[in-house]
Amino acid sequence: MARSVIPLFEDVSFIVGIQVMHRVDVGMLPAGDPEDQRPAVVVVAVPGTATGTVPVAIGSGTGRCGIRHPRWETPGLSKAGWFSRRANILCGLWTAGSVRSAGTVDDQTFAAMAAWFL
């Protein structure tokens, strides 16, 4: 008799929304990211399928090109910085165990990010 496995809530992937900032586990990002948790990853587009990838803008306090962001205490950005890189993260990696929502980016910053990264 086959045993059924009930997935834990933190292992179930979810659908992301654009313009939302997240903290993500560094293992979701391209190799070499210097931080354990990346405080500024913003979804710039929603994938067409659940098996696709989620394009994100990656924030950095050290980058000097891209889209500048102010210091935002609510999402946990303790200093001003830049959304300077783009990555594509597999949809299946977006789980409650690896991603924490950190609020929404303002319309002006998001419009600049969409123009830069898409």
Protein backbone atom coordinates (compact mmCIF):
# COMPACT_ATOMS: atom_id res chain seq x y z
CA MET A 1 0.00 0.00 0.00
CA ALA A 2 1.45 3.35 -1.03
CA ARG A 3 1.79 6.00 1.64
CA SER A 4 0.57 9.43 0.76
CA VAL A 5 2.79 12.32 1.66
CA ILE A 6 1.21 15.50 2.88
CA PRO A 7 3.44 18.47 2.03
CA LEU A 8 4.27 20.90 4.80
CA PHE A 9 2.93 24.43 4.36
CA GLU A 10 6.43 25.87 4.07
CA ASP A 11 7.20 23.48 1.20
CA VAL A 12 4.20 24.41 -0.96
CA SER A 13 4.99 26.95 -3.67
CA PHE A 14 2.76 29.98 -4.10
CA ILE A 15 1.93 32.48 -6.81
CA VAL A 16 3.82 35.73 -6.52
CA GLY A 17 2.56 39.20 -7.31
CA ILE A 18 4.44 41.92 -9.15
CA GLN A 19 5.82 44.94 -7.31
CA VAL A 20 6.18 42.93 -4.08
CA MET A 21 9.47 42.94 -2.22
CA HIS A 22 10.63 39.71 -0.57
CA ARG A 23 13.45 38.42 1.57
CA VAL A 24 14.65 35.18 0.02
CA ASP A 25 17.08 32.43 0.97
CA VAL A 26 20.38 32.97 -0.78
CA GLY A 27 20.13 29.46 -2.30
CA MET A 28 17.38 30.75 -4.60
CA LEU A 29 19.73 33.27 -6.21
CA PRO A 30 22.63 32.77 -8.61
CA ALA A 31 25.77 31.38 -6.93
CA GLY A 32 28.06 33.80 -5.17
CA ASP A 33 25.54 36.04 -3.39
CA PRO A 34 27.28 37.39 -0.27
CA GLU A 35 24.25 37.43 2.03
CA ASP A 36 22.31 34.63 3.77
CA GLN A 37 19.04 36.50 3.30
CA ARG A 38 18.63 39.01 0.52
CA PRO A 39 16.43 41.81 1.89
CA ALA A 40 15.49 43.34 -1.43
CA VAL A 41 14.26 41.05 -4.15
CA VAL A 42 11.36 42.55 -6.08
CA VAL A 43 9.17 40.58 -8.49
CA VAL A 44 9.17 42.47 -11.79
CA ALA A 45 6.91 40.12 -13.77
CA VAL A 46 4.65 37.12 -13.15
CA PRO A 47 5.49 33.97 -15.09
CA GLY A 48 3.05 32.57 -17.61
CA THR A 49 3.08 29.09 -16.07
CA ALA A 50 3.63 27.55 -12.64
CA THR A 51 6.66 25.72 -14.01
CA GLY A 52 8.36 28.85 -15.31
CA THR A 53 10.65 31.32 -13.63
CA VAL A 54 9.99 34.52 -11.71
CA PRO A 55 12.08 37.49 -12.89
CA VAL A 56 13.28 39.55 -9.94
CA ALA A 57 15.38 42.65 -9.37
CA ILE A 58 18.04 42.06 -6.72
CA GLY A 59 18.85 44.86 -4.31
CA SER A 60 22.35 45.65 -3.13
CA GLY A 61 23.87 48.18 -0.80
CA THR A 62 27.09 48.15 -2.80
CA GLY A 63 25.98 48.33 -6.44
CA ARG A 64 26.30 51.68 -8.12
CA CYS A 65 24.15 51.19 -11.19
CA GLY A 66 20.52 50.29 -11.73
CA ILE A 67 17.59 51.75 -9.81
CA ARG A 68 18.33 53.62 -6.60
CA HIS A 69 16.14 52.88 -3.58
CA PRO A 70 15.80 54.86 -0.39
CA ARG A 71 16.15 53.51 3.12
CA TRP A 72 12.88 51.69 3.93
CA GLU A 73 12.50 50.47 7.49
CA THR A 74 9.26 48.55 6.83
CA PRO A 75 10.74 46.03 4.38
CA GLY A 76 13.97 45.93 6.36
CA LEU A 77 16.26 47.99 4.13
CA SER A 78 18.31 49.74 6.79
CA LYS A 79 20.26 51.81 4.27
CA ALA A 80 19.79 53.23 0.80
CA GLY A 81 21.04 51.11 -2.08
CA TRP A 82 20.44 49.90 -5.62
CA PHE A 83 18.39 47.33 -7.45
CA SER A 84 21.31 46.45 -9.64
CA ARG A 85 20.93 42.86 -10.89
CA ARG A 86 18.23 40.67 -12.37
CA ALA A 87 17.73 36.95 -11.77
CA ASN A 88 15.16 34.35 -12.77
CA ILE A 89 14.02 32.12 -9.89
CA LEU A 90 12.18 28.85 -10.50
CA CYS A 91 8.51 29.08 -9.49
CA GLY A 92 8.76 25.93 -7.36
CA LEU A 93 11.30 27.62 -5.06
CA TRP A 94 8.80 30.29 -3.94
CA THR A 95 7.65 28.62 -0.73
CA ALA A 96 6.74 29.98 2.70
CA GLY A 97 9.86 28.32 4.07
CA SER A 98 12.23 30.18 1.75
CA VAL A 99 10.53 33.52 1.08
CA ARG A 100 9.14 36.25 3.33
CA SER A 101 7.10 39.15 1.98
CA ALA A 102 8.52 42.55 2.92
CA GLY A 103 5.96 44.94 1.49
CA THR A 104 5.29 46.67 -1.79
CA VAL A 105 7.60 48.95 -3.74
CA ASP A 106 6.20 52.41 -4.51
CA ASP A 107 4.82 52.98 -8.01
CA GLN A 108 7.58 55.36 -9.17
CA THR A 109 10.42 53.03 -8.13
CA PHE A 110 8.65 50.02 -9.63
CA ALA A 111 8.06 51.79 -12.96
CA ALA A 112 11.78 52.56 -13.15
CA MET A 113 12.61 48.94 -12.24
CA ALA A 114 10.29 47.53 -14.90
CA ALA A 115 11.84 49.79 -17.53
CA TRP A 116 15.38 48.81 -16.47
CA PHE A 117 14.95 45.07 -15.94
CA LEU A 118 12.31 44.02 -18.49
